Amino acid sequence: ACFWALRILRGCPRPDEVISSCVAAFQEEYDDVEVTETGGSLAEMPAVCRELDFSCFELLNSVSLSSVRSSTMTLLAWWQGTDHELQSLRPILERITQSVRMLELL
C-alpha cells in the first residue's frame, strides 16, 4: 500500500544524519536497495533528499526521503509505493511534500 508520512523530530538532528539513518534501515532490511541522491525542497527550504528503489515480493518499490532542519525541529517527509501504484500517485505524493510549511511557534 502506498503511503505518505511526515515526522517531526524535536531533537533537531541534522537532516543528513536523519536521511543516512533511514537509508541504512532500508539497506538492512532489503538486499538490493539502490540509492539516488536527488535535489529538492521541503517546507520551502533546500532539503537533503534521497530516492530508494528495491524489490519486495517481486514488486519494485520506490521511496522518497526529504529532510530539513529549523531552529526548533527537523522534518522528515517520506513516501513509498510500488511501481504500479506510483504511475498515477507519484505526482500527488510530490505535491503533498511540496505543500508542507513550517511555522515557528513561540
Protein backbone atom coordinates (compact mmCIF):
# COMPACT_ATOMS: atom_id res chain seq x y z
CA ALA A 1 0.00 0.00 0.00
CA CYS A 2 1.22 3.44 -0.95
CA PHE A 3 1.66 5.99 1.85
CA TRP A 4 2.98 9.45 2.73
CA ALA A 5 4.25 10.40 6.20
CA LEU A 6 5.74 13.40 7.98
CA ARG A 7 7.84 13.05 11.12
CA ILE A 8 8.60 15.99 13.41
CA LEU A 9 11.86 15.41 15.26
CA ARG A 10 12.09 17.81 18.21
CA GLY A 11 15.72 16.92 18.98
CA CYS A 12 16.78 18.77 15.79
CA PRO A 13 19.07 16.08 14.36
CA ARG A 14 20.95 17.07 11.23
CA PRO A 15 18.98 16.27 8.05
CA ASP A 16 21.90 14.32 6.54
CA GLU A 17 22.01 12.11 9.66
CA VAL A 18 18.23 11.53 9.51
CA ILE A 19 18.41 10.52 5.86
CA SER A 20 21.50 8.33 6.39
CA SER A 21 19.75 6.52 9.23
CA CYS A 22 16.67 5.87 7.07
CA VAL A 23 18.79 4.63 4.15
CA ALA A 24 20.73 2.31 6.49
CA ALA A 25 17.47 0.85 7.84
CA PHE A 26 16.26 0.06 4.31
CA GLN A 27 19.65 -1.44 3.39
CA GLU A 28 19.50 -3.64 6.49
CA GLU A 29 16.00 -4.86 5.60
CA TYR A 30 16.37 -5.35 1.81
CA ASP A 31 19.24 -6.80 -0.21
CA ASP A 32 19.01 -4.76 -3.40
CA VAL A 33 18.45 -1.14 -2.34
CA GLU A 34 19.53 1.37 -4.98
CA VAL A 35 20.06 4.86 -3.56
CA THR A 36 19.96 8.02 -5.66
CA GLU A 37 20.85 11.46 -4.30
CA THR A 38 18.26 13.94 -5.51
CA GLY A 39 17.72 17.63 -5.09
CA GLY A 40 14.58 19.07 -3.69
CA SER A 41 12.93 21.16 -1.04
CA LEU A 42 10.72 20.66 1.97
CA ALA A 43 8.89 23.39 3.86
CA GLU A 44 10.18 25.88 1.29
CA MET A 45 13.82 25.14 2.25
CA PRO A 46 16.55 23.22 0.41
CA ALA A 47 16.37 19.64 1.66
CA VAL A 48 18.60 16.60 1.92
CA CYS A 49 16.83 14.14 -0.41
CA ARG A 50 17.26 10.52 -1.47
CA GLU A 51 15.22 8.17 -3.59
CA LEU A 52 15.46 4.44 -2.97
CA ASP A 53 14.40 1.55 -5.17
CA PHE A 54 14.20 -2.07 -4.02
CA SER A 55 12.22 -5.21 -4.68
CA CYS A 56 9.95 -6.94 -2.21
CA PHE A 57 7.70 -9.90 -3.05
CA GLU A 58 8.68 -9.43 -6.70
CA LEU A 59 7.35 -5.86 -6.74
CA LEU A 60 9.53 -2.84 -7.43
CA ASN A 61 9.18 -0.35 -4.57
CA SER A 62 10.24 3.29 -4.55
CA VAL A 63 10.82 5.54 -1.56
CA SER A 64 11.39 9.28 -1.40
CA LEU A 65 13.03 10.79 1.70
CA SER A 66 13.39 14.54 2.32
CA SER A 67 14.63 16.27 5.47
CA VAL A 68 15.19 19.85 6.65
CA ARG A 69 16.00 21.47 10.00
CA SER A 70 14.93 24.70 11.64
CA SER A 71 15.98 26.08 15.00
CA THR A 72 13.23 24.12 16.76
CA MET A 73 12.73 20.89 14.80
CA THR A 74 13.79 18.62 11.97
CA LEU A 75 11.22 17.39 9.47
CA LEU A 76 11.32 14.09 7.59
CA ALA A 77 8.88 13.61 4.72
CA TRP A 78 8.66 10.07 3.39
CA TRP A 79 6.52 8.46 0.75
CA GLN A 80 6.62 4.90 -0.53
CA GLY A 81 4.80 2.76 -3.06
CA THR A 82 5.09 0.09 -5.71
CA ASP A 83 5.83 0.93 -9.33
CA HIS A 84 2.24 0.29 -10.45
CA GLU A 85 0.78 2.47 -7.65
CA LEU A 86 3.21 5.30 -8.33
CA GLN A 87 2.32 5.52 -12.02
CA SER A 88 -0.69 7.57 -11.01
CA LEU A 89 0.05 8.57 -7.40
CA ARG A 90 3.64 9.88 -7.59
CA PRO A 91 2.63 13.39 -8.76
CA ILE A 92 0.13 13.61 -5.90
CA LEU A 93 2.69 12.49 -3.31
CA GLU A 94 5.20 15.02 -4.64
CA ARG A 95 2.60 17.80 -4.40
CA ILE A 96 1.80 16.82 -0.82
CA THR A 97 5.50 17.02 0.02
CA GLN A 98 5.77 20.45 -1.60
CA SER A 99 2.73 21.68 0.36
CA VAL A 100 4.46 21.27 3.74
CA ARG A 101 5.13 24.51 5.60
CA MET A 102 6.90 25.04 8.91
CA LEU A 103 5.58 27.60 11.37
CA GLU A 104 7.79 28.58 14.27
CA LEU A 105 5.63 28.88 17.36
CA LEU A 106 6.95 30.88 20.31
